[in-house]
Amino acid sequence: MILYPAIDLKDGVCVRLKKGLMHEATVFNDDPAAQARTFKAQGFQWLHCVDLNGAFDGRSVNAEAIKSIRAAIDLPIQL
């Protein structure tokens, strides 16, 4: 079985939405690269990233966060 840990990105930080509402986001980590390294250190072999700004607003503001994640780990990333 393959488990995909997820990083949901909003405005460049890792969040979870309450009931799917963008204005009800809880920040879990303000460093997406550090979060990705944590998942790798825990033994995960894949990473799933969600660009919430892109999904909700139709335009991404998370390119730098994605680049930092890609530079931090060598795992395959599903975006």
Protein backbone atom coordinates (compact mmCIF):
# COMPACT_ATOMS: atom_id res chain seq x y z
CA MET A 1 0.00 0.00 0.00
CA ILE A 2 1.24 3.50 -0.82
CA LEU A 3 0.26 6.37 1.46
CA TYR A 4 0.42 9.92 0.16
CA PRO A 5 0.98 12.57 2.81
CA ALA A 6 -0.47 15.88 1.69
CA ILE A 7 0.67 19.46 1.89
CA ASP A 8 -2.17 21.90 1.21
CA LEU A 9 -0.71 25.27 0.21
CA LYS A 10 -2.42 28.60 0.73
CA ASP A 11 -0.46 31.82 0.29
CA GLY A 12 2.83 29.90 0.51
CA VAL A 13 2.20 28.08 3.80
CA CYS A 14 0.91 24.63 4.80
CA VAL A 15 -2.72 24.75 5.92
CA ARG A 16 -5.84 22.71 6.56
CA LEU A 17 -9.20 24.20 5.72
CA LYS A 18 -12.13 23.98 8.10
CA LYS A 19 -15.11 22.57 6.19
CA GLY A 20 -13.39 23.44 2.91
CA LEU A 21 -13.58 27.19 3.52
CA MET A 22 -10.58 29.24 2.40
CA HIS A 23 -11.18 31.91 5.04
CA GLU A 24 -11.10 29.20 7.74
CA ALA A 25 -7.54 27.97 7.23
CA THR A 26 -5.34 26.76 10.08
CA VAL A 27 -1.60 27.13 9.42
CA PHE A 28 0.25 23.95 10.34
CA ASN A 29 3.69 24.91 9.07
CA ASP A 30 4.92 28.17 7.56
CA ASP A 31 7.84 26.33 5.90
CA PRO A 32 6.59 23.92 3.21
CA ALA A 33 10.12 22.60 2.54
CA ALA A 34 10.53 21.69 6.21
CA GLN A 35 7.17 19.92 6.16
CA ALA A 36 8.23 17.95 3.09
CA ARG A 37 11.51 16.95 4.77
CA THR A 38 9.53 15.78 7.81
CA PHE A 39 7.36 13.54 5.64
CA LYS A 40 10.44 12.10 3.93
CA ALA A 41 12.14 11.49 7.29
CA GLN A 42 9.02 9.60 8.41
CA GLY A 43 9.58 7.18 5.54
CA PHE A 44 7.01 8.33 3.00
CA GLN A 45 7.96 7.65 -0.62
CA TRP A 46 5.58 10.08 -2.35
CA LEU A 47 4.15 13.51 -1.63
CA HIS A 48 0.84 15.04 -2.65
CA CYS A 49 0.60 18.86 -2.82
CA VAL A 50 -2.58 20.86 -3.26
CA ASP A 51 -2.44 24.43 -4.56
CA LEU A 52 -5.52 25.84 -2.85
CA ASN A 53 -5.09 29.32 -4.35
CA GLY A 54 -5.01 27.76 -7.79
CA ALA A 55 -8.03 25.58 -7.06
CA PHE A 56 -10.16 28.36 -5.55
CA ASP A 57 -8.95 31.45 -7.40
CA GLY A 58 -7.79 29.98 -10.69
CA ARG A 59 -4.27 31.34 -10.26
CA SER A 60 -1.37 30.10 -8.22
CA VAL A 61 0.64 32.13 -5.77
CA ASN A 62 2.47 29.04 -4.49
CA ALA A 63 5.17 28.58 -7.15
CA GLU A 64 7.98 29.48 -4.74
CA ALA A 65 6.63 27.07 -2.12
CA ILE A 66 6.51 24.26 -4.69
CA LYS A 67 10.06 25.09 -5.83
CA SER A 68 11.27 24.98 -2.23
CA ILE A 69 9.61 21.59 -1.70
CA ARG A 70 11.15 20.21 -4.89
CA ALA A 71 14.61 21.45 -3.81
CA ALA A 72 14.21 19.98 -0.31
CA ILE A 73 13.29 16.39 -1.21
CA ASP A 74 13.87 13.88 -3.96
CA LEU A 75 10.48 12.20 -3.66
CA PRO A 76 8.00 12.13 -6.54
CA ILE A 77 5.43 14.91 -6.06
CA GLN A 78 1.84 14.78 -7.21
CA LEU A 79 0.49 18.30 -7.65
